[in-house]
Amino acid sequence: MKLITKGAIAGALMLLMVPAAAMAGSCYPYAGYERGGEIRYEQRDIHNDWRDVARDRYHLHRDWAEGRYGAARAQEADIRHDMADIRGDQYALRRDYRGYPY
C-alpha cells in the first residue's frame, strides 16, 4: 500500500512539473536565441537571390547586345522581382537580429 501511495504522489508531482518546464522554455539568455536556424536560412536565401540577380543581369546584357528587347524586358522584370525578394529577406533578417517578434 505504501508503494502505491508513493507512486501516486510521485505521479502527481510529475504532472505539476510539466507546465513549469514548458514555461521555462521561453526564458532563453537573449532575444532571438531560438531563431538561429531561421537567421541562417535567411542569409542563405539572400545569397542565392543575389546569385540569381547576377545571372539575370548577365542574360539581360546579352539580350540587349543581341537585340532581343522582349527577352530583355522579361529579364528586367525578373531582376525587379528578385530585388524585391532580397529587400524583404533583409528586412526579416534585421528583425530577427533585433529580436522583434512577427
N, C-alpha and C. Protein backbone atom coordinates (compact mmCIF):
# COMPACT_ATOMS: atom_id res chain seq x y z
N MET A 1 0.81 -1.19 0.00
CA MET A 1 0.00 0.00 0.00
C MET A 1 0.86 1.26 0.00
N LYS A 2 1.99 1.21 0.74
CA LYS A 2 2.89 2.36 0.78
C LYS A 2 3.46 2.63 -0.61
N LEU A 3 3.74 1.58 -1.35
CA LEU A 3 4.30 1.72 -2.69
C LEU A 3 3.31 2.41 -3.63
N ILE A 4 2.05 2.09 -3.51
CA ILE A 4 1.03 2.71 -4.37
C ILE A 4 0.87 4.19 -4.02
N THR A 5 0.87 4.53 -2.77
CA THR A 5 0.72 5.94 -2.39
C THR A 5 1.94 6.75 -2.79
N LYS A 6 3.13 6.14 -2.64
CA LYS A 6 4.34 6.84 -3.08
C LYS A 6 4.32 7.07 -4.58
N GLY A 7 3.86 6.07 -5.33
CA GLY A 7 3.75 6.22 -6.78
C GLY A 7 2.74 7.26 -7.18
N ALA A 8 1.62 7.31 -6.47
CA ALA A 8 0.59 8.30 -6.77
C ALA A 8 1.09 9.71 -6.47
N ILE A 9 1.82 9.85 -5.37
CA ILE A 9 2.37 11.17 -5.02
C ILE A 9 3.41 11.59 -6.05
N ALA A 10 4.27 10.67 -6.44
CA ALA A 10 5.30 10.98 -7.44
C ALA A 10 4.65 11.34 -8.78
N GLY A 11 3.61 10.62 -9.18
CA GLY A 11 2.91 10.93 -10.43
C GLY A 11 2.25 12.30 -10.39
N ALA A 12 1.64 12.64 -9.28
CA ALA A 12 1.00 13.95 -9.15
C ALA A 12 2.04 15.07 -9.22
N LEU A 13 3.20 14.86 -8.58
CA LEU A 13 4.25 15.87 -8.64
C LEU A 13 4.79 16.02 -10.06
N MET A 14 4.89 14.90 -10.77
CA MET A 14 5.36 14.96 -12.16
C MET A 14 4.38 15.75 -13.02
N LEU A 15 3.09 15.55 -12.81
CA LEU A 15 2.09 16.28 -13.58
C LEU A 15 2.12 17.77 -13.27
N LEU A 16 2.48 18.12 -12.05
CA LEU A 16 2.59 19.52 -11.70
C LEU A 16 3.85 20.16 -12.28
N MET A 17 4.88 19.36 -12.51
CA MET A 17 6.14 19.89 -13.02
C MET A 17 6.11 20.12 -14.53
N VAL A 18 5.23 19.46 -15.27
CA VAL A 18 5.21 19.59 -16.73
C VAL A 18 4.89 21.02 -17.16
N PRO A 19 3.87 21.69 -16.64
CA PRO A 19 3.63 23.07 -17.08
C PRO A 19 4.77 24.02 -16.70
N ALA A 20 5.38 23.79 -15.57
CA ALA A 20 6.50 24.66 -15.17
C ALA A 20 7.67 24.49 -16.13
N ALA A 21 7.93 23.27 -16.56
CA ALA A 21 9.02 23.04 -17.51
C ALA A 21 8.70 23.66 -18.87
N ALA A 22 7.45 23.61 -19.27
CA ALA A 22 7.07 24.20 -20.55
C ALA A 22 7.20 25.72 -20.52
N MET A 23 6.87 26.34 -19.41
CA MET A 23 7.00 27.79 -19.32
C MET A 23 8.46 28.21 -19.25
N ALA A 24 9.32 27.40 -18.71
CA ALA A 24 10.73 27.75 -18.60
C ALA A 24 11.42 27.71 -19.95
N GLY A 25 10.80 27.11 -20.96
CA GLY A 25 11.42 27.01 -22.28
C GLY A 25 11.55 28.35 -22.98
N SER A 26 10.74 29.32 -22.63
CA SER A 26 10.80 30.61 -23.31
C SER A 26 11.80 31.56 -22.66
N CYS A 27 12.51 31.14 -21.66
CA CYS A 27 13.46 32.01 -20.96
C CYS A 27 14.87 31.74 -21.47
N TYR A 28 15.15 32.18 -22.69
CA TYR A 28 16.48 32.00 -23.26
C TYR A 28 17.37 33.15 -22.83
N PRO A 29 18.68 32.97 -22.97
CA PRO A 29 19.60 34.01 -22.48
C PRO A 29 19.47 35.35 -23.22
N TYR A 30 19.07 35.36 -24.50
CA TYR A 30 18.91 36.62 -25.21
C TYR A 30 17.83 36.45 -26.27
N ALA A 31 17.30 37.57 -26.72
CA ALA A 31 16.22 37.54 -27.70
C ALA A 31 16.73 37.01 -29.02
N GLY A 32 15.97 36.20 -29.68
CA GLY A 32 16.37 35.62 -30.95
C GLY A 32 17.18 34.36 -30.83
N TYR A 33 17.35 33.85 -29.63
CA TYR A 33 18.18 32.66 -29.42
C TYR A 33 17.62 31.46 -30.16
N GLU A 34 16.31 31.31 -30.13
CA GLU A 34 15.70 30.15 -30.75
C GLU A 34 15.56 30.30 -32.26
N ARG A 35 15.88 31.48 -32.80
CA ARG A 35 15.73 31.71 -34.23
C ARG A 35 17.06 31.61 -34.96
N GLY A 36 18.02 30.93 -34.42
CA GLY A 36 19.32 30.82 -35.07
C GLY A 36 19.24 30.14 -36.41
N GLY A 37 18.46 29.08 -36.51
CA GLY A 37 18.31 28.39 -37.78
C GLY A 37 17.61 29.24 -38.81
N GLU A 38 16.66 30.05 -38.37
CA GLU A 38 15.95 30.92 -39.29
C GLU A 38 16.88 32.01 -39.82
N ILE A 39 17.77 32.51 -39.00
CA ILE A 39 18.71 33.53 -39.45
C ILE A 39 19.64 32.95 -40.50
N ARG A 40 20.13 31.75 -40.27
CA ARG A 40 21.00 31.12 -41.28
C ARG A 40 20.24 30.87 -42.58
N TYR A 41 18.97 30.49 -42.46
CA TYR A 41 18.16 30.27 -43.67
C TYR A 41 18.00 31.57 -44.45
N GLU A 42 17.72 32.67 -43.75
CA GLU A 42 17.55 33.96 -44.42
C GLU A 42 18.85 34.39 -45.10
N GLN A 43 19.98 34.20 -44.43
CA GLN A 43 21.26 34.58 -45.02
C GLN A 43 21.53 33.78 -46.29
N ARG A 44 21.26 32.49 -46.25
CA ARG A 44 21.46 31.64 -47.42
C ARG A 44 20.51 32.03 -48.54
N ASP A 45 19.27 32.37 -48.19
CA ASP A 45 18.29 32.77 -49.19
C ASP A 45 18.70 34.07 -49.87
N ILE A 46 19.21 35.04 -49.09
CA ILE A 46 19.68 36.30 -49.66
C ILE A 46 20.86 36.05 -50.59
N HIS A 47 21.77 35.19 -50.18
CA HIS A 47 22.92 34.86 -51.02
C HIS A 47 22.47 34.25 -52.35
N ASN A 48 21.53 33.32 -52.29
CA ASN A 48 21.05 32.68 -53.51
C ASN A 48 20.29 33.68 -54.39
N ASP A 49 19.57 34.61 -53.78
CA ASP A 49 18.87 35.62 -54.58
C ASP A 49 19.85 36.55 -55.29
N TRP A 50 20.94 36.93 -54.61
CA TRP A 50 21.96 37.76 -55.27
C TRP A 50 22.60 37.00 -56.43
N ARG A 51 22.79 35.69 -56.26
CA ARG A 51 23.33 34.88 -57.35
C ARG A 51 22.37 34.89 -58.54
N ASP A 52 21.07 34.79 -58.28
CA ASP A 52 20.07 34.82 -59.35
C ASP A 52 20.06 36.18 -60.05
N VAL A 53 20.21 37.26 -59.27
CA VAL A 53 20.24 38.60 -59.87
C VAL A 53 21.46 38.73 -60.79
N ALA A 54 22.60 38.24 -60.34
CA ALA A 54 23.81 38.32 -61.17
C ALA A 54 23.63 37.54 -62.47
N ARG A 55 23.03 36.38 -62.39
CA ARG A 55 22.78 35.58 -63.59
C ARG A 55 21.80 36.29 -64.52
N ASP A 56 20.75 36.89 -63.94
CA ASP A 56 19.77 37.60 -64.77
C ASP A 56 20.38 38.83 -65.42
N ARG A 57 21.26 39.52 -64.71
CA ARG A 57 21.91 40.69 -65.30
C ARG A 57 22.81 40.28 -66.47
N TYR A 58 23.47 39.15 -66.33
CA TYR A 58 24.29 38.65 -67.44
C TYR A 58 23.42 38.39 -68.67
N HIS A 59 22.28 37.72 -68.46
CA HIS A 59 21.36 37.43 -69.57
C HIS A 59 20.74 38.72 -70.12
N LEU A 60 20.49 39.69 -69.25
CA LEU A 60 19.94 40.97 -69.69
C LEU A 60 20.90 41.67 -70.64
N HIS A 61 22.17 41.74 -70.27
CA HIS A 61 23.16 42.40 -71.12
C HIS A 61 23.33 41.65 -72.43
N ARG A 62 23.27 40.35 -72.38
CA ARG A 62 23.39 39.55 -73.60
C ARG A 62 22.17 39.78 -74.52
N ASP A 63 20.97 39.86 -73.90
CA ASP A 63 19.77 40.11 -74.70
C ASP A 63 19.81 41.49 -75.35
N TRP A 64 20.28 42.50 -74.62
CA TRP A 64 20.41 43.82 -75.22
C TRP A 64 21.40 43.81 -76.38
N ALA A 65 22.53 43.14 -76.19
CA ALA A 65 23.56 43.11 -77.23
C ALA A 65 23.07 42.39 -78.48
N GLU A 66 22.23 41.39 -78.32
CA GLU A 66 21.76 40.62 -79.47
C GLU A 66 20.44 41.14 -80.02
N GLY A 67 19.89 42.21 -79.43
CA GLY A 67 18.70 42.83 -79.96
C GLY A 67 17.39 42.16 -79.56
N ARG A 68 17.40 41.33 -78.56
CA ARG A 68 16.16 40.67 -78.10
C ARG A 68 15.56 41.52 -76.98
N TYR A 69 14.81 42.53 -77.38
CA TYR A 69 14.31 43.51 -76.42
C TYR A 69 13.16 42.95 -75.58
N GLY A 70 12.35 42.08 -76.15
CA GLY A 70 11.28 41.45 -75.37
C GLY A 70 11.83 40.59 -74.25
N ALA A 71 12.88 39.81 -74.58
CA ALA A 71 13.53 38.99 -73.56
C ALA A 71 14.22 39.86 -72.52
N ALA A 72 14.76 41.01 -72.96
CA ALA A 72 15.42 41.94 -72.02
C ALA A 72 14.40 42.50 -71.04
N ARG A 73 13.19 42.85 -71.53
CA ARG A 73 12.16 43.34 -70.62
C ARG A 73 11.76 42.27 -69.60
N ALA A 74 11.70 41.02 -70.05
CA ALA A 74 11.37 39.93 -69.13
C ALA A 74 12.47 39.76 -68.08
N GLN A 75 13.72 39.90 -68.50
CA GLN A 75 14.84 39.80 -67.55
C GLN A 75 14.79 40.95 -66.55
N GLU A 76 14.46 42.15 -67.02
CA GLU A 76 14.36 43.28 -66.10
C GLU A 76 13.25 43.05 -65.07
N ALA A 77 12.13 42.50 -65.51
CA ALA A 77 11.04 42.20 -64.57
C ALA A 77 11.48 41.14 -63.56
N ASP A 78 12.24 40.16 -64.02
CA ASP A 78 12.74 39.12 -63.12
C ASP A 78 13.72 39.70 -62.11
N ILE A 79 14.56 40.62 -62.56
CA ILE A 79 15.52 41.27 -61.66
C ILE A 79 14.77 42.09 -60.61
N ARG A 80 13.72 42.83 -61.03
CA ARG A 80 12.93 43.61 -60.06
C ARG A 80 12.27 42.70 -59.04
N HIS A 81 11.78 41.56 -59.49
CA HIS A 81 11.15 40.61 -58.57
C HIS A 81 12.17 40.07 -57.58
N ASP A 82 13.36 39.70 -58.08
CA ASP A 82 14.40 39.17 -57.18
C ASP A 82 14.88 40.24 -56.19
N MET A 83 14.99 41.49 -56.65
CA MET A 83 15.44 42.55 -55.75
C MET A 83 14.40 42.82 -54.67
N ALA A 84 13.13 42.75 -55.03
CA ALA A 84 12.09 42.91 -54.01
C ALA A 84 12.16 41.78 -52.99
N ASP A 85 12.45 40.57 -53.46
CA ASP A 85 12.60 39.43 -52.55
C ASP A 85 13.80 39.63 -51.62
N ILE A 86 14.88 40.17 -52.16
CA ILE A 86 16.07 40.44 -51.34
C ILE A 86 15.75 41.48 -50.28
N ARG A 87 15.06 42.56 -50.67
CA ARG A 87 14.72 43.59 -49.69
C ARG A 87 13.83 43.03 -48.58
N GLY A 88 12.87 42.19 -48.94
CA GLY A 88 12.02 41.58 -47.93
C GLY A 88 12.79 40.66 -47.00
N ASP A 89 13.71 39.88 -47.57
CA ASP A 89 14.52 38.98 -46.75
C ASP A 89 15.46 39.76 -45.83
N GLN A 90 16.02 40.87 -46.34
CA GLN A 90 16.90 41.68 -45.50
C GLN A 90 16.12 42.33 -44.35
N TYR A 91 14.89 42.76 -44.63
CA TYR A 91 14.04 43.32 -43.58
C TYR A 91 13.76 42.26 -42.51
N ALA A 92 13.42 41.05 -42.95
CA ALA A 92 13.14 39.96 -42.00
C ALA A 92 14.40 39.61 -41.20
N LEU A 93 15.56 39.64 -41.86
CA LEU A 93 16.80 39.32 -41.18
C LEU A 93 17.12 40.37 -40.12
N ARG A 94 16.91 41.65 -40.42
CA ARG A 94 17.15 42.70 -39.42
C ARG A 94 16.22 42.50 -38.22
N ARG A 95 14.97 42.15 -38.47
CA ARG A 95 14.04 41.93 -37.37
C ARG A 95 14.47 40.72 -36.54
N ASP A 96 15.02 39.68 -37.20
CA ASP A 96 15.49 38.51 -36.46
C ASP A 96 16.69 38.87 -35.59
N TYR A 97 17.62 39.68 -36.13
CA TYR A 97 18.78 40.06 -35.35
C TYR A 97 18.39 40.88 -34.12
N ARG A 98 17.40 41.75 -34.29
CA ARG A 98 16.99 42.62 -33.19
C ARG A 98 16.07 41.92 -32.20
N GLY A 99 15.55 40.76 -32.58
CA GLY A 99 14.72 40.01 -31.67
C GLY A 99 13.27 40.43 -31.64
N TYR A 100 12.80 41.10 -32.73
CA TYR A 100 11.40 41.50 -32.76
C TYR A 100 10.54 40.31 -33.16
N PRO A 101 9.42 40.12 -32.52
CA PRO A 101 8.50 39.07 -32.98
C PRO A 101 7.76 39.54 -34.21
N TYR A 102 7.22 38.59 -34.95
CA TYR A 102 6.47 38.94 -36.16
C TYR A 102 5.06 39.30 -35.84
